[in-house]
N, C-alpha and C. Protein backbone atom coordinates (compact mmCIF):
# COMPACT_ATOMS: atom_id res chain seq x y z
N UNK A 1 -1.85 1.37 -12.96
CA UNK A 1 -1.96 0.43 -11.88
C UNK A 1 -2.55 1.16 -10.68
N UNK A 2 -3.39 0.48 -9.97
CA UNK A 2 -3.98 1.01 -8.74
C UNK A 2 -3.65 0.04 -7.60
N UNK A 3 -3.68 0.57 -6.39
CA UNK A 3 -3.44 -0.29 -5.23
C UNK A 3 -4.62 -0.24 -4.27
N UNK A 4 -4.64 -1.19 -3.39
CA UNK A 4 -5.73 -1.30 -2.41
C UNK A 4 -5.22 -1.06 -0.98
N UNK A 5 -4.16 -0.30 -0.86
CA UNK A 5 -3.55 -0.07 0.45
C UNK A 5 -4.54 0.60 1.41
N UNK A 6 -5.23 1.62 0.96
CA UNK A 6 -6.19 2.32 1.81
C UNK A 6 -7.27 1.35 2.32
N UNK A 7 -7.80 0.54 1.43
CA UNK A 7 -8.83 -0.42 1.80
C UNK A 7 -8.29 -1.48 2.76
N UNK A 8 -7.06 -1.94 2.52
CA UNK A 8 -6.46 -2.94 3.40
C UNK A 8 -6.24 -2.38 4.80
N UNK A 9 -5.77 -1.14 4.87
CA UNK A 9 -5.58 -0.52 6.18
C UNK A 9 -6.90 -0.49 6.95
N UNK A 10 -7.96 -0.08 6.28
CA UNK A 10 -9.28 0.02 6.93
C UNK A 10 -9.80 -1.36 7.34
N UNK A 11 -9.68 -2.33 6.45
CA UNK A 11 -10.24 -3.65 6.74
C UNK A 11 -9.46 -4.39 7.82
N UNK A 12 -8.22 -4.02 8.00
CA UNK A 12 -7.39 -4.69 9.01
C UNK A 12 -7.23 -3.85 10.28
N UNK A 13 -7.98 -2.75 10.37
CA UNK A 13 -7.90 -1.85 11.53
C UNK A 13 -6.47 -1.38 11.80
N UNK A 14 -5.79 -1.04 10.73
CA UNK A 14 -4.43 -0.51 10.84
C UNK A 14 -4.45 0.96 10.44
N UNK A 15 -3.46 1.68 10.87
CA UNK A 15 -3.32 3.10 10.54
C UNK A 15 -2.13 3.29 9.60
N UNK A 16 -2.20 4.35 8.82
CA UNK A 16 -1.13 4.63 7.86
C UNK A 16 0.23 4.77 8.56
N UNK A 17 0.23 5.37 9.74
CA UNK A 17 1.51 5.55 10.44
C UNK A 17 2.13 4.21 10.84
N UNK A 18 1.31 3.18 11.07
CA UNK A 18 1.85 1.86 11.40
C UNK A 18 2.59 1.27 10.20
N UNK A 19 2.00 1.43 9.02
CA UNK A 19 2.67 0.96 7.81
C UNK A 19 3.94 1.78 7.56
N UNK A 20 3.85 3.08 7.75
CA UNK A 20 5.02 3.95 7.57
C UNK A 20 6.15 3.55 8.53
N UNK A 21 5.82 3.29 9.78
CA UNK A 21 6.83 2.86 10.76
C UNK A 21 7.44 1.52 10.36
N UNK A 22 6.61 0.59 9.91
CA UNK A 22 7.08 -0.73 9.48
C UNK A 22 8.07 -0.60 8.33
N UNK A 23 7.80 0.32 7.41
CA UNK A 23 8.65 0.51 6.23
C UNK A 23 9.77 1.52 6.46
N UNK A 24 9.73 2.19 7.61
CA UNK A 24 10.71 3.23 7.93
C UNK A 24 10.68 4.35 6.88
N UNK A 25 9.47 4.82 6.58
CA UNK A 25 9.27 5.91 5.63
C UNK A 25 8.33 6.93 6.26
N UNK A 26 8.09 8.02 5.54
CA UNK A 26 7.22 9.07 6.08
C UNK A 26 5.74 8.72 5.90
N UNK A 27 4.93 9.30 6.77
CA UNK A 27 3.48 9.16 6.65
C UNK A 27 2.98 9.76 5.34
N UNK A 28 3.65 10.81 4.88
CA UNK A 28 3.27 11.46 3.63
C UNK A 28 3.37 10.50 2.45
N UNK A 29 4.41 9.70 2.43
CA UNK A 29 4.58 8.72 1.35
C UNK A 29 3.43 7.73 1.34
N UNK A 30 3.07 7.22 2.49
CA UNK A 30 1.95 6.28 2.59
C UNK A 30 0.66 6.97 2.15
N UNK A 31 0.49 8.23 2.50
CA UNK A 31 -0.69 8.98 2.08
C UNK A 31 -0.77 9.07 0.56
N UNK A 32 0.36 9.32 -0.09
CA UNK A 32 0.38 9.34 -1.56
C UNK A 32 -0.06 7.99 -2.14
N UNK A 33 0.43 6.93 -1.53
CA UNK A 33 0.05 5.59 -2.00
C UNK A 33 -1.43 5.34 -1.79
N UNK A 34 -1.95 5.74 -0.63
CA UNK A 34 -3.37 5.51 -0.33
C UNK A 34 -4.28 6.26 -1.30
N UNK A 35 -3.84 7.38 -1.78
CA UNK A 35 -4.64 8.15 -2.73
C UNK A 35 -4.37 7.75 -4.18
N UNK A 36 -3.46 6.81 -4.35
CA UNK A 36 -3.07 6.33 -5.69
C UNK A 36 -2.45 7.42 -6.56
N UNK A 37 -1.93 8.47 -5.94
CA UNK A 37 -1.24 9.49 -6.72
C UNK A 37 0.21 9.09 -7.01
N UNK A 38 0.74 8.18 -6.20
CA UNK A 38 2.05 7.57 -6.41
C UNK A 38 1.92 6.09 -6.10
N UNK A 39 2.86 5.31 -6.62
CA UNK A 39 2.88 3.88 -6.33
C UNK A 39 4.23 3.53 -5.71
N UNK A 40 4.26 2.55 -4.81
CA UNK A 40 5.52 2.13 -4.20
C UNK A 40 6.43 1.42 -5.19
N UNK A 41 7.72 1.45 -4.91
CA UNK A 41 8.66 0.69 -5.72
C UNK A 41 8.52 -0.80 -5.38
N UNK A 42 9.21 -1.63 -6.12
CA UNK A 42 9.05 -3.08 -5.96
C UNK A 42 9.45 -3.56 -4.57
N UNK A 43 10.50 -3.00 -4.00
CA UNK A 43 10.92 -3.40 -2.66
C UNK A 43 9.83 -3.07 -1.64
N UNK A 44 9.31 -1.86 -1.72
CA UNK A 44 8.23 -1.49 -0.80
C UNK A 44 6.98 -2.33 -1.05
N UNK A 45 6.69 -2.65 -2.30
CA UNK A 45 5.53 -3.48 -2.61
C UNK A 45 5.64 -4.83 -1.91
N UNK A 46 6.81 -5.43 -1.96
CA UNK A 46 7.03 -6.72 -1.30
C UNK A 46 6.88 -6.60 0.22
N UNK A 47 7.41 -5.53 0.78
CA UNK A 47 7.30 -5.32 2.23
C UNK A 47 5.87 -5.01 2.66
N UNK A 48 5.14 -4.30 1.82
CA UNK A 48 3.73 -4.03 2.12
C UNK A 48 2.95 -5.34 2.16
N UNK A 49 3.23 -6.21 1.20
CA UNK A 49 2.57 -7.52 1.19
C UNK A 49 2.89 -8.29 2.48
N UNK A 50 4.13 -8.20 2.93
CA UNK A 50 4.51 -8.86 4.18
C UNK A 50 3.76 -8.24 5.36
N UNK A 51 3.65 -6.93 5.40
CA UNK A 51 2.94 -6.23 6.47
C UNK A 51 1.49 -6.71 6.57
N UNK A 52 0.84 -6.83 5.41
CA UNK A 52 -0.56 -7.24 5.39
C UNK A 52 -0.74 -8.76 5.34
N UNK A 53 0.36 -9.50 5.27
CA UNK A 53 0.32 -10.96 5.19
C UNK A 53 -0.56 -11.41 4.02
N UNK A 54 -0.26 -10.84 2.87
CA UNK A 54 -0.99 -11.17 1.64
C UNK A 54 -0.01 -11.13 0.47
N UNK A 55 -0.51 -11.36 -0.72
CA UNK A 55 0.36 -11.34 -1.90
C UNK A 55 0.37 -9.97 -2.54
N UNK A 56 1.41 -9.69 -3.29
CA UNK A 56 1.51 -8.44 -4.02
C UNK A 56 0.32 -8.31 -4.98
N UNK A 57 -0.07 -9.41 -5.59
CA UNK A 57 -1.19 -9.40 -6.54
C UNK A 57 -2.50 -8.98 -5.89
N UNK A 58 -2.65 -9.23 -4.60
CA UNK A 58 -3.86 -8.82 -3.89
C UNK A 58 -3.87 -7.32 -3.58
N UNK A 59 -2.72 -6.70 -3.65
CA UNK A 59 -2.61 -5.28 -3.31
C UNK A 59 -2.66 -4.39 -4.55
N UNK A 60 -2.06 -4.86 -5.62
CA UNK A 60 -1.93 -4.05 -6.83
C UNK A 60 -2.75 -4.65 -7.97
N UNK A 61 -3.53 -3.79 -8.61
CA UNK A 61 -4.40 -4.20 -9.71
C UNK A 61 -4.09 -3.35 -10.94
N UNK A 62 -4.03 -4.01 -12.09
CA UNK A 62 -3.88 -3.24 -13.33
C UNK A 62 -5.18 -2.50 -13.58
N UNK A 63 -5.03 -1.25 -13.95
CA UNK A 63 -6.21 -0.42 -14.23
C UNK A 63 -6.21 -0.12 -15.73
N UNK A 64 -7.25 -0.57 -16.39
CA UNK A 64 -7.36 -0.33 -17.83
C UNK A 64 -8.60 0.48 -18.10
N UNK A 65 -8.44 1.55 -18.87
CA UNK A 65 -9.60 2.37 -19.25
C UNK A 65 -10.43 1.62 -20.27
N UNK A 66 -11.73 1.62 -20.08
CA UNK A 66 -12.62 0.91 -21.00
C UNK A 66 -12.93 1.74 -22.22
């Protein structure tokens, strides 16, 4: 699974620290998510969707190797 958090931050003129503050987590955690090296848990996924005012499905995409 891949996420579009980095792209959403850029397109909405938001910074990673704003998302981190909203979720009450470290900037490092958001950085891991932005690089797709880690993925958020389901609770954070729901809160991220709320932060961006979008659906979870718009943030997370299944990644299948061709």
